[in-house]
């Protein structure tokens, strides 16, 4: 079931999403750092988040490393949802929920 071409496309699309996340978290410091601080994360956490996004983006495209990318990406999305829900920013939970669902679809097709 893992030879489905749409799974390859979805994996690449998700990798692209995480590349964008890498750039935003790493370089949009004036926008991102105040958000992380408001949520209780240290000022440098945007670099950790960006690094994890880049790792997911690099792991997802290759079939051999895709399970690790799915797992790390799903964990990142779970933490993102938990963070915004904890701070009652419910509308902000929708994008990570969608990405987490798509990662789950990719993960299930690998079984």
PDB file of N, CA and C in Angstrom:
ATOM      1  N   UNK A   1       0.807  -1.193   0.000  1.00  0.00           N
ATOM      2  CA  UNK A   1       0.000   0.000   0.000  1.00  0.00           C
ATOM      3  C   UNK A   1       0.855   1.263   0.000  1.00  0.00           C
ATOM      4  N   UNK A   2       2.165   1.129   0.302  1.00  0.00           N
ATOM      5  CA  UNK A   2       3.024   2.307   0.368  1.00  0.00           C
ATOM      6  C   UNK A   2       3.555   2.749  -0.992  1.00  0.00           C
ATOM      7  N   UNK A   3       3.137   2.133  -2.073  1.00  0.00           N
ATOM      8  CA  UNK A   3       3.568   2.531  -3.405  1.00  0.00           C
ATOM      9  C   UNK A   3       2.561   3.448  -4.088  1.00  0.00           C
ATOM     10  N   UNK A   4       1.646   4.007  -3.340  1.00  0.00           N
ATOM     11  CA  UNK A   4       0.627   4.871  -3.902  1.00  0.00           C
ATOM     12  C   UNK A   4       1.245   6.219  -4.263  1.00  0.00           C
ATOM     13  N   UNK A   5       1.094   6.667  -5.524  1.00  0.00           N
ATOM     14  CA  UNK A   5       1.721   7.922  -5.940  1.00  0.00           C
ATOM     15  C   UNK A   5       1.201   9.143  -5.172  1.00  0.00           C
ATOM     16  N   UNK A   6      -0.061   9.127  -4.751  1.00  0.00           N
ATOM     17  CA  UNK A   6      -0.583  10.281  -4.030  1.00  0.00           C
ATOM     18  C   UNK A   6       0.049  10.417  -2.655  1.00  0.00           C
ATOM     19  N   UNK A   7       0.514   9.309  -2.098  1.00  0.00           N
ATOM     20  CA  UNK A   7       1.209   9.373  -0.804  1.00  0.00           C
ATOM     21  C   UNK A   7       2.552  10.069  -0.977  1.00  0.00           C
ATOM     22  N   UNK A   8       3.216   9.780  -2.094  1.00  0.00           N
ATOM     23  CA  UNK A   8       4.479  10.466  -2.384  1.00  0.00           C
ATOM     24  C   UNK A   8       4.242  11.967  -2.509  1.00  0.00           C
ATOM     25  N   UNK A   9       3.211  12.348  -3.250  1.00  0.00           N
ATOM     26  CA  UNK A   9       2.891  13.766  -3.424  1.00  0.00           C
ATOM     27  C   UNK A   9       2.519  14.422  -2.096  1.00  0.00           C
ATOM     28  N   UNK A  10       1.726  13.724  -1.308  1.00  0.00           N
ATOM     29  CA  UNK A  10       1.335  14.255  -0.004  1.00  0.00           C
ATOM     30  C   UNK A  10       2.558  14.403   0.905  1.00  0.00           C
ATOM     31  N   UNK A  11       3.451  13.436   0.858  1.00  0.00           N
ATOM     32  CA  UNK A  11       4.672  13.517   1.668  1.00  0.00           C
ATOM     33  C   UNK A  11       5.512  14.728   1.276  1.00  0.00           C
ATOM     34  N   UNK A  12       5.639  14.961  -0.017  1.00  0.00           N
ATOM     35  CA  UNK A  12       6.394  16.124  -0.499  1.00  0.00           C
ATOM     36  C   UNK A  12       5.691  17.420  -0.126  1.00  0.00           C
ATOM     37  N   UNK A  13       4.376  17.451  -0.229  1.00  0.00           N
ATOM     38  CA  UNK A  13       3.624  18.653   0.145  1.00  0.00           C
ATOM     39  C   UNK A  13       3.799  18.959   1.637  1.00  0.00           C
ATOM     40  N   UNK A  14       3.737  17.917   2.455  1.00  0.00           N
ATOM     41  CA  UNK A  14       3.944  18.106   3.886  1.00  0.00           C
ATOM     42  C   UNK A  14       5.378  18.551   4.178  1.00  0.00           C
ATOM     43  N   UNK A  15       6.332  18.001   3.443  1.00  0.00           N
ATOM     44  CA  UNK A  15       7.723  18.441   3.595  1.00  0.00           C
ATOM     45  C   UNK A  15       7.829  19.930   3.274  1.00  0.00           C
ATOM     46  N   UNK A  16       7.126  20.365   2.230  1.00  0.00           N
ATOM     47  CA  UNK A  16       7.116  21.789   1.885  1.00  0.00           C
ATOM     48  C   UNK A  16       6.532  22.636   2.999  1.00  0.00           C
ATOM     49  N   UNK A  17       5.467  22.160   3.613  1.00  0.00           N
ATOM     50  CA  UNK A  17       4.863  22.860   4.750  1.00  0.00           C
ATOM     51  C   UNK A  17       5.892  23.037   5.863  1.00  0.00           C
ATOM     52  N   UNK A  18       6.648  21.989   6.166  1.00  0.00           N
ATOM     53  CA  UNK A  18       7.635  22.069   7.240  1.00  0.00           C
ATOM     54  C   UNK A  18       8.839  22.919   6.859  1.00  0.00           C
ATOM     55  N   UNK A  19       9.170  22.999   5.566  1.00  0.00           N
ATOM     56  CA  UNK A  19      10.223  23.918   5.127  1.00  0.00           C
ATOM     57  C   UNK A  19       9.783  25.354   5.395  1.00  0.00           C
ATOM     58  N   UNK A  20       8.541  25.651   5.066  1.00  0.00           N
ATOM     59  CA  UNK A  20       8.005  26.990   5.341  1.00  0.00           C
ATOM     60  C   UNK A  20       8.042  27.259   6.850  1.00  0.00           C
ATOM     61  N   UNK A  21       7.657  26.265   7.633  1.00  0.00           N
ATOM     62  CA  UNK A  21       7.728  26.397   9.089  1.00  0.00           C
ATOM     63  C   UNK A  21       9.140  26.657   9.570  1.00  0.00           C
ATOM     64  N   UNK A  22      10.113  25.991   8.955  1.00  0.00           N
ATOM     65  CA  UNK A  22      11.518  26.216   9.297  1.00  0.00           C
ATOM     66  C   UNK A  22      11.892  27.680   9.077  1.00  0.00           C
ATOM     67  N   UNK A  23      11.561  28.207   7.900  1.00  0.00           N
ATOM     68  CA  UNK A  23      11.925  29.591   7.598  1.00  0.00           C
ATOM     69  C   UNK A  23      11.207  30.584   8.512  1.00  0.00           C
ATOM     70  N   UNK A  24       9.941  30.353   8.747  1.00  0.00           N
ATOM     71  CA  UNK A  24       9.192  31.271   9.617  1.00  0.00           C
ATOM     72  C   UNK A  24       9.745  31.233  11.038  1.00  0.00           C
ATOM     73  N   UNK A  25       9.905  30.031  11.587  1.00  0.00           N
ATOM     74  CA  UNK A  25      10.372  29.914  12.966  1.00  0.00           C
ATOM     75  C   UNK A  25      11.803  30.394  13.145  1.00  0.00           C
ATOM     76  N   UNK A  26      12.628  30.228  12.132  1.00  0.00           N
ATOM     77  CA  UNK A  26      14.037  30.575  12.259  1.00  0.00           C
ATOM     78  C   UNK A  26      14.308  32.042  11.952  1.00  0.00           C
ATOM     79  N   UNK A  27      13.631  32.595  10.956  1.00  0.00           N
ATOM     80  CA  UNK A  27      14.009  33.921  10.472  1.00  0.00           C
ATOM     81  C   UNK A  27      12.983  35.026  10.717  1.00  0.00           C
ATOM     82  N   UNK A  28      11.745  34.710  11.007  1.00  0.00           N
ATOM     83  CA  UNK A  28      10.738  35.744  11.292  1.00  0.00           C
ATOM     84  C   UNK A  28      10.723  36.035  12.787  1.00  0.00           C
ATOM     85  N   UNK A  29      11.884  36.388  13.289  1.00  0.00           N
ATOM     86  CA  UNK A  29      12.109  36.522  14.729  1.00  0.00           C
ATOM     87  C   UNK A  29      11.175  37.556  15.361  1.00  0.00           C
ATOM     88  N   UNK A  30      10.970  38.686  14.711  1.00  0.00           N
ATOM     89  CA  UNK A  30      10.137  39.746  15.296  1.00  0.00           C
ATOM     90  C   UNK A  30       8.688  39.313  15.466  1.00  0.00           C
ATOM     91  N   UNK A  31       8.252  38.368  14.665  1.00  0.00           N
ATOM     92  CA  UNK A  31       6.882  37.880  14.750  1.00  0.00           C
ATOM     93  C   UNK A  31       6.769  36.671  15.674  1.00  0.00           C
ATOM     94  N   UNK A  32       7.716  35.757  15.560  1.00  0.00           N
ATOM     95  CA  UNK A  32       7.614  34.460  16.227  1.00  0.00           C
ATOM     96  C   UNK A  32       8.024  34.501  17.696  1.00  0.00           C
ATOM     97  N   UNK A  33       9.109  35.182  18.006  1.00  0.00           N
ATOM     98  CA  UNK A  33       9.625  35.161  19.379  1.00  0.00           C
ATOM     99  C   UNK A  33       8.602  35.696  20.388  1.00  0.00           C
ATOM    100  N   UNK A  34       7.918  36.819  20.121  1.00  0.00           N
ATOM    101  CA  UNK A  34       6.906  37.262  21.091  1.00  0.00           C
ATOM    102  C   UNK A  34       5.778  36.242  21.304  1.00  0.00           C
ATOM    103  N   UNK A  35       5.422  35.528  20.237  1.00  0.00           N
ATOM    104  CA  UNK A  35       4.388  34.486  20.370  1.00  0.00           C
ATOM    105  C   UNK A  35       4.864  33.380  21.312  1.00  0.00           C
ATOM    106  N   UNK A  36       6.084  32.894  21.078  1.00  0.00           N
ATOM    107  CA  UNK A  36       6.614  31.823  21.930  1.00  0.00           C
ATOM    108  C   UNK A  36       6.718  32.296  23.376  1.00  0.00           C
ATOM    109  N   UNK A  37       7.173  33.517  23.587  1.00  0.00           N
ATOM    110  CA  UNK A  37       7.277  34.031  24.957  1.00  0.00           C
ATOM    111  C   UNK A  37       5.908  34.127  25.613  1.00  0.00           C
ATOM    112  N   UNK A  38       4.911  34.572  24.860  1.00  0.00           N
ATOM    113  CA  UNK A  38       3.551  34.689  25.392  1.00  0.00           C
ATOM    114  C   UNK A  38       3.029  33.323  25.822  1.00  0.00           C
ATOM    115  N   UNK A  39       3.436  32.288  25.110  1.00  0.00           N
ATOM    116  CA  UNK A  39       3.002  30.929  25.434  1.00  0.00           C
ATOM    117  C   UNK A  39       3.859  30.282  26.525  1.00  0.00           C
ATOM    118  N   UNK A  40       4.876  30.985  26.996  1.00  0.00           N
ATOM    119  CA  UNK A  40       5.702  30.463  28.086  1.00  0.00           C
ATOM    120  C   UNK A  40       6.974  29.756  27.660  1.00  0.00           C
ATOM    121  N   UNK A  41       7.308  29.810  26.385  1.00  0.00           N
ATOM    122  CA  UNK A  41       8.543  29.200  25.908  1.00  0.00           C
ATOM    123  C   UNK A  41       9.679  30.214  25.992  1.00  0.00           C
ATOM    124  N   UNK A  42      10.918  29.749  26.141  1.00  0.00           N
ATOM    125  CA  UNK A  42      12.040  30.693  26.176  1.00  0.00           C
ATOM    126  C   UNK A  42      12.256  31.357  24.808  1.00  0.00           C
ATOM    127  N   UNK A  43      12.932  32.490  24.815  1.00  0.00           N
ATOM    128  CA  UNK A  43      13.144  33.261  23.602  1.00  0.00           C
ATOM    129  C   UNK A  43      13.881  32.528  22.502  1.00  0.00           C
ATOM    130  N   UNK A  44      14.705  31.571  22.850  1.00  0.00           N
ATOM    131  CA  UNK A  44      15.484  30.826  21.859  1.00  0.00           C
ATOM    132  C   UNK A  44      14.725  29.628  21.302  1.00  0.00           C
ATOM    133  N   UNK A  45      13.532  29.359  21.816  1.00  0.00           N
ATOM    134  CA  UNK A  45      12.820  28.143  21.422  1.00  0.00           C
ATOM    135  C   UNK A  45      12.438  28.126  19.952  1.00  0.00           C
ATOM    136  N   UNK A  46      12.336  29.310  19.334  1.00  0.00           N
ATOM    137  CA  UNK A  46      12.004  29.351  17.907  1.00  0.00           C
ATOM    138  C   UNK A  46      13.065  28.635  17.079  1.00  0.00           C
ATOM    139  N   UNK A  47      14.315  28.630  17.562  1.00  0.00           N
ATOM    140  CA  UNK A  47      15.389  27.919  16.847  1.00  0.00           C
ATOM    141  C   UNK A  47      15.219  26.406  16.964  1.00  0.00           C
ATOM    142  N   UNK A  48      14.812  25.945  18.131  1.00  0.00           N
ATOM    143  CA  UNK A  48      14.538  24.515  18.320  1.00  0.00           C
ATOM    144  C   UNK A  48      13.380  24.094  17.430  1.00  0.00           C
ATOM    145  N   UNK A  49      12.323  24.893  17.448  1.00  0.00           N
ATOM    146  CA  UNK A  49      11.148  24.594  16.626  1.00  0.00           C
ATOM    147  C   UNK A  49      11.510  24.581  15.145  1.00  0.00           C
ATOM    148  N   UNK A  50      12.262  25.578  14.707  1.00  0.00           N
ATOM    149  CA  UNK A  50      12.693  25.620  13.309  1.00  0.00           C
ATOM    150  C   UNK A  50      13.565  24.434  12.933  1.00  0.00           C
ATOM    151  N   UNK A  51      14.452  24.041  13.825  1.00  0.00           N
ATOM    152  CA  UNK A  51      15.306  22.885  13.566  1.00  0.00           C
ATOM    153  C   UNK A  51      14.518  21.596  13.449  1.00  0.00           C
ATOM    154  N   UNK A  52      13.514  21.441  14.307  1.00  0.00           N
ATOM    155  CA  UNK A  52      12.675  20.246  14.218  1.00  0.00           C
ATOM    156  C   UNK A  52      11.850  20.254  12.937  1.00  0.00           C
ATOM    157  N   UNK A  53      11.363  21.429  12.540  1.00  0.00           N
ATOM    158  CA  UNK A  53      10.629  21.533  11.271  1.00  0.00           C
ATOM    159  C   UNK A  53      11.514  21.123  10.102  1.00  0.00           C
ATOM    160  N   UNK A  54      12.761  21.588  10.114  1.00  0.00           N
ATOM    161  CA  UNK A  54      13.688  21.220   9.039  1.00  0.00           C
ATOM    162  C   UNK A  54      13.957  19.719   9.035  1.00  0.00           C
ATOM    163  N   UNK A  55      14.101  19.133  10.209  1.00  0.00           N
ATOM    164  CA  UNK A  55      14.324  17.679  10.296  1.00  0.00           C
ATOM    165  C   UNK A  55      13.150  16.919   9.680  1.00  0.00           C
ATOM    166  N   UNK A  56      11.934  17.327   9.995  1.00  0.00           N
ATOM    167  CA  UNK A  56      10.755  16.669   9.425  1.00  0.00           C
ATOM    168  C   UNK A  56      10.757  16.820   7.910  1.00  0.00           C
ATOM    169  N   UNK A  57      11.062  18.030   7.432  1.00  0.00           N
ATOM    170  CA  UNK A  57      11.079  18.283   5.991  1.00  0.00           C
ATOM    171  C   UNK A  57      12.100  17.405   5.273  1.00  0.00           C
ATOM    172  N   UNK A  58      13.198  17.120   5.926  1.00  0.00           N
ATOM    173  CA  UNK A  58      14.227  16.268   5.317  1.00  0.00           C
ATOM    174  C   UNK A  58      13.887  14.782   5.417  1.00  0.00           C
ATOM    175  N   UNK A  59      13.155  14.394   6.435  1.00  0.00           N
ATOM    176  CA  UNK A  59      12.826  12.981   6.647  1.00  0.00           C
ATOM    177  C   UNK A  59      11.626  12.498   5.831  1.00  0.00           C
ATOM    178  N   UNK A  60      10.665  13.364   5.572  1.00  0.00           N
ATOM    179  CA  UNK A  60       9.421  12.930   4.926  1.00  0.00           C
ATOM    180  C   UNK A  60       9.558  12.432   3.488  1.00  0.00           C
ATOM    181  N   UNK A  61      10.337  13.055   2.630  1.00  0.00           N
ATOM    182  CA  UNK A  61      10.333  12.633   1.223  1.00  0.00           C
ATOM    183  C   UNK A  61      10.860  11.214   0.968  1.00  0.00           C
ATOM    184  N   UNK A  62      11.850  10.775   1.706  1.00  0.00           N
ATOM    185  CA  UNK A  62      12.445   9.459   1.463  1.00  0.00           C
ATOM    186  C   UNK A  62      11.642   8.369   2.173  1.00  0.00           C
ATOM    187  N   UNK A  63      11.331   7.316   1.450  1.00  0.00           N
ATOM    188  CA  UNK A  63      10.521   6.224   1.999  1.00  0.00           C
ATOM    189  C   UNK A  63      11.165   5.612   3.242  1.00  0.00           C
ATOM    190  N   UNK A  64      12.489   5.486   3.239  1.00  0.00           N
ATOM    191  CA  UNK A  64      13.184   4.842   4.352  1.00  0.00           C
ATOM    192  C   UNK A  64      13.101   5.652   5.638  1.00  0.00           C
ATOM    193  N   UNK A  65      13.090   6.978   5.532  1.00  0.00           N
ATOM    194  CA  UNK A  65      13.082   7.815   6.724  1.00  0.00           C
ATOM    195  C   UNK A  65      11.706   8.414   7.017  1.00  0.00           C
ATOM    196  N   UNK A  66      10.756   8.161   6.152  1.00  0.00           N
ATOM    197  CA  UNK A  66       9.417   8.742   6.296  1.00  0.00           C
ATOM    198  C   UNK A  66       8.760   8.432   7.642  1.00  0.00           C
ATOM    199  N   UNK A  67       8.868   7.193   8.170  1.00  0.00           N
ATOM    200  CA  UNK A  67       8.234   6.934   9.481  1.00  0.00           C
ATOM    201  C   UNK A  67       8.743   7.864  10.581  1.00  0.00           C
ATOM    202  N   UNK A  68      10.033   8.199  10.540  1.00  0.00           N
ATOM    203  CA  UNK A  68      10.599   9.104  11.542  1.00  0.00           C
ATOM    204  C   UNK A  68      10.079  10.522  11.334  1.00  0.00           C
ATOM    205  N   UNK A  69       9.946  10.924  10.075  1.00  0.00           N
ATOM    206  CA  UNK A  69       9.385  12.239   9.768  1.00  0.00           C
ATOM    207  C   UNK A  69       7.935  12.346  10.196  1.00  0.00           C
ATOM    208  N   UNK A  70       7.173  11.291   9.950  1.00  0.00           N
ATOM    209  CA  UNK A  70       5.762  11.280  10.357  1.00  0.00           C
ATOM    210  C   UNK A  70       5.661  11.375  11.876  1.00  0.00           C
ATOM    211  N   UNK A  71       6.461  10.598  12.573  1.00  0.00           N
ATOM    212  CA  UNK A  71       6.403  10.590  14.036  1.00  0.00           C
ATOM    213  C   UNK A  71       6.788  11.953  14.615  1.00  0.00           C
ATOM    214  N   UNK A  72       7.897  12.519  14.140  1.00  0.00           N
ATOM    215  CA  UNK A  72       8.342  13.808  14.650  1.00  0.00           C
ATOM    216  C   UNK A  72       7.358  14.909  14.274  1.00  0.00           C
ATOM    217  N   UNK A  73       6.881  14.894  13.042  1.00  0.00           N
ATOM    218  CA  UNK A  73       5.908  15.893  12.607  1.00  0.00           C
ATOM    219  C   UNK A  73       4.620  15.821  13.407  1.00  0.00           C
ATOM    220  N   UNK A  74       4.145  14.610  13.661  1.00  0.00           N
ATOM    221  CA  UNK A  74       2.915  14.445  14.446  1.00  0.00           C
ATOM    222  C   UNK A  74       3.119  14.941  15.875  1.00  0.00           C
ATOM    223  N   UNK A  75       4.276  14.685  16.437  1.00  0.00           N
ATOM    224  CA  UNK A  75       4.576  15.170  17.786  1.00  0.00           C
ATOM    225  C   UNK A  75       4.591  16.699  17.813  1.00  0.00           C
ATOM    226  N   UNK A  76       5.210  17.309  16.816  1.00  0.00           N
ATOM    227  CA  UNK A  76       5.253  18.772  16.731  1.00  0.00           C
ATOM    228  C   UNK A  76       3.829  19.330  16.635  1.00  0.00           C
ATOM    229  N   UNK A  77       3.007  18.720  15.797  1.00  0.00           N
ATOM    230  CA  UNK A  77       1.636  19.199  15.635  1.00  0.00           C
ATOM    231  C   UNK A  77       0.818  19.005  16.912  1.00  0.00           C
ATOM    232  N   UNK A  78       1.053  17.900  17.617  1.00  0.00           N
ATOM    233  CA  UNK A  78       0.364  17.656  18.881  1.00  0.00           C
ATOM    234  C   UNK A  78       0.724  18.722  19.911  1.00  0.00           C
ATOM    235  N   UNK A  79       1.992  19.061  20.000  1.00  0.00           N
ATOM    236  CA  UNK A  79       2.432  20.100  20.938  1.00  0.00           C
ATOM    237  C   UNK A  79       1.863  21.454  20.524  1.00  0.00           C
ATOM    238  N   UNK A  80       1.821  21.718  19.222  1.00  0.00           N
ATOM    239  CA  UNK A  80       1.247  22.983  18.743  1.00  0.00           C
ATOM    240  C   UNK A  80      -0.225  23.096  19.134  1.00  0.00           C
ATOM    241  N   UNK A  81      -0.976  22.028  18.928  1.00  0.00           N
ATOM    242  CA  UNK A  81      -2.395  22.032  19.305  1.00  0.00           C
ATOM    243  C   UNK A  81      -2.531  22.216  20.813  1.00  0.00           C
ATOM    244  N   UNK A  82      -1.760  21.480  21.585  1.00  0.00           N
ATOM    245  CA  UNK A  82      -1.843  21.586  23.046  1.00  0.00           C
ATOM    246  C   UNK A  82      -1.514  23.001  23.515  1.00  0.00           C
ATOM    247  N   UNK A  83      -0.533  23.621  22.895  1.00  0.00           N
ATOM    248  CA  UNK A  83      -0.130  24.970  23.288  1.00  0.00           C
ATOM    249  C   UNK A  83      -1.242  25.978  23.052  1.00  0.00           C
ATOM    250  N   UNK A  84      -1.801  25.974  21.852  1.00  0.00           N
ATOM    251  CA  UNK A  84      -2.822  26.985  21.558  1.00  0.00           C
ATOM    252  C   UNK A  84      -4.135  26.700  22.295  1.00  0.00           C
ATOM    253  N   UNK A  85      -4.467  25.443  22.496  1.00  0.00           N
ATOM    254  CA  UNK A  85      -5.678  25.127  23.254  1.00  0.00           C
ATOM    255  C   UNK A  85      -5.501  25.535  24.718  1.00  0.00           C
ATOM    256  N   UNK A  86      -4.328  25.299  25.257  1.00  0.00           N
ATOM    257  CA  UNK A  86      -4.050  25.694  26.643  1.00  0.00           C
ATOM    258  C   UNK A  86      -4.225  27.197  26.834  1.00  0.00           C
ATOM    259  N   UNK A  87      -3.910  27.948  25.798  1.00  0.00           N
ATOM    260  CA  UNK A  87      -4.025  29.409  25.872  1.00  0.00           C
ATOM    261  C   UNK A  87      -5.331  29.919  25.262  1.00  0.00           C
ATOM    262  N   UNK A  88      -6.257  29.003  25.053  1.00  0.00           N
ATOM    263  CA  UNK A  88      -7.607  29.308  24.561  1.00  0.00           C
ATOM    264  C   UNK A  88      -7.612  30.026  23.213  1.00  0.00           C
ATOM    265  N   UNK A  89      -6.668  29.671  22.367  1.00  0.00           N
ATOM    266  CA  UNK A  89      -6.609  30.214  21.009  1.00  0.00           C
ATOM    267  C   UNK A  89      -7.074  29.113  20.052  1.00  0.00           C
ATOM    268  N   UNK A  90      -8.326  28.741  20.189  1.00  0.00           N
ATOM    269  CA  UNK A  90      -8.858  27.550  19.534  1.00  0.00           C
ATOM    270  C   UNK A  90      -8.770  27.602  18.013  1.00  0.00           C
ATOM    271  N   UNK A  91      -8.970  28.753  17.434  1.00  0.00           N
ATOM    272  CA  UNK A  91      -8.893  28.854  15.968  1.00  0.00           C
ATOM    273  C   UNK A  91      -7.508  28.525  15.439  1.00  0.00           C
ATOM    274  N   UNK A  92      -6.498  28.777  16.244  1.00  0.00           N
ATOM    275  CA  UNK A  92      -5.133  28.493  15.811  1.00  0.00           C
ATOM    276  C   UNK A  92      -4.821  26.995  15.851  1.00  0.00           C
ATOM    277  N   UNK A  93      -5.706  26.205  16.418  1.00  0.00           N
ATOM    278  CA  UNK A  93      -5.488  24.759  16.484  1.00  0.00           C
ATOM    279  C   UNK A  93      -5.825  24.066  15.173  1.00  0.00           C
ATOM    280  N   UNK A  94      -6.612  24.707  14.321  1.00  0.00           N
ATOM    281  CA  UNK A  94      -7.059  24.055  13.089  1.00  0.00           C
ATOM    282  C   UNK A  94      -5.916  23.673  12.137  1.00  0.00           C
ATOM    283  N   UNK A  95      -4.987  24.571  11.800  1.00  0.00           N
ATOM    284  CA  UNK A  95      -3.905  24.159  10.889  1.00  0.00           C
ATOM    285  C   UNK A  95      -3.080  22.971  11.396  1.00  0.00           C
ATOM    286  N   UNK A  96      -2.614  22.980  12.676  1.00  0.00           N
ATOM    287  CA  UNK A  96      -1.871  21.797  13.113  1.00  0.00           C
ATOM    288  C   UNK A  96      -2.723  20.528  13.176  1.00  0.00           C
ATOM    289  N   UNK A  97      -4.023  20.680  13.428  1.00  0.00           N
ATOM    290  CA  UNK A  97      -4.901  19.501  13.401  1.00  0.00           C
ATOM    291  C   UNK A  97      -4.986  18.920  11.988  1.00  0.00           C
ATOM    292  N   UNK A  98      -5.096  19.787  11.000  1.00  0.00           N
ATOM    293  CA  UNK A  98      -5.158  19.324   9.604  1.00  0.00           C
ATOM    294  C   UNK A  98      -3.851  18.659   9.208  1.00  0.00           C
ATOM    295  N   UNK A  99      -2.729  19.304   9.517  1.00  0.00           N
ATOM    296  CA  UNK A  99      -1.421  18.720   9.167  1.00  0.00           C
ATOM    297  C   UNK A  99      -1.212  17.407   9.913  1.00  0.00           C
ATOM    298  N   UNK A 100      -1.591  17.368  11.173  1.00  0.00           N
ATOM    299  CA  UNK A 100      -1.476  16.120  11.933  1.00  0.00           C
ATOM    300  C   UNK A 100      -2.312  15.004  11.336  1.00  0.00           C
ATOM    301  N   UNK A 101      -3.497  15.340  10.859  1.00  0.00           N
ATOM    302  CA  UNK A 101      -4.365  14.353  10.208  1.00  0.00           C
ATOM    303  C   UNK A 101      -3.722  13.845   8.919  1.00  0.00           C
ATOM    304  N   UNK A 102      -3.169  14.749   8.128  1.00  0.00           N
ATOM    305  CA  UNK A 102      -2.507  14.337   6.884  1.00  0.00           C
ATOM    306  C   UNK A 102      -1.274  13.480   7.169  1.00  0.00           C
ATOM    307  N   UNK A 103      -0.545  13.817   8.210  1.00  0.00           N
ATOM    308  CA  UNK A 103       0.601  12.972   8.604  1.00  0.00           C
ATOM    309  C   UNK A 103       0.119  11.590   9.024  1.00  0.00           C
ATOM    310  N   UNK A 104      -1.008  11.531   9.702  1.00  0.00           N
ATOM    311  CA  UNK A 104      -1.573  10.240  10.103  1.00  0.00           C
ATOM    312  C   UNK A 104      -1.941   9.417   8.883  1.00  0.00           C
ATOM    313  N   UNK A 105      -2.513  10.060   7.873  1.00  0.00           N
ATOM    314  CA  UNK A 105      -2.848   9.349   6.623  1.00  0.00           C
ATOM    315  C   UNK A 105      -1.591   8.752   6.014  1.00  0.00           C
ATOM    316  N   UNK A 106      -0.527   9.548   5.950  1.00  0.00           N
ATOM    317  CA  UNK A 106       0.743   9.039   5.402  1.00  0.00           C
ATOM    318  C   UNK A 106       1.250   7.888   6.259  1.00  0.00           C
ATOM    319  N   UNK A 107       1.189   8.042   7.571  1.00  0.00           N
ATOM    320  CA  UNK A 107       1.676   6.994   8.470  1.00  0.00           C
ATOM    321  C   UNK A 107       0.894   5.702   8.344  1.00  0.00           C
ATOM    322  N   UNK A 108      -0.416   5.794   8.231  1.00  0.00           N
ATOM    323  CA  UNK A 108      -1.253   4.597   8.129  1.00  0.00           C
ATOM    324  C   UNK A 108      -0.972   3.853   6.835  1.00  0.00           C
ATOM    325  N   UNK A 109      -0.697   4.561   5.764  1.00  0.00           N
ATOM    326  CA  UNK A 109      -0.428   3.885   4.494  1.00  0.00           C
ATOM    327  C   UNK A 109       0.896   3.140   4.504  1.00  0.00           C
ATOM    328  N   UNK A 110       1.753   3.419   5.496  1.00  0.00           N
ATOM    329  CA  UNK A 110       3.031   2.715   5.579  1.00  0.00           C
ATOM    330  C   UNK A 110       2.897   1.376   6.275  1.00  0.00           C
ATOM    331  N   UNK A 111       1.749   1.110   6.884  1.00  0.00           N
ATOM    332  CA  UNK A 111       1.555  -0.138   7.623  1.00  0.00           C
ATOM    333  C   UNK A 111       1.395  -1.317   6.700  1.00  0.00           C
TER     334      UNK A 111
END
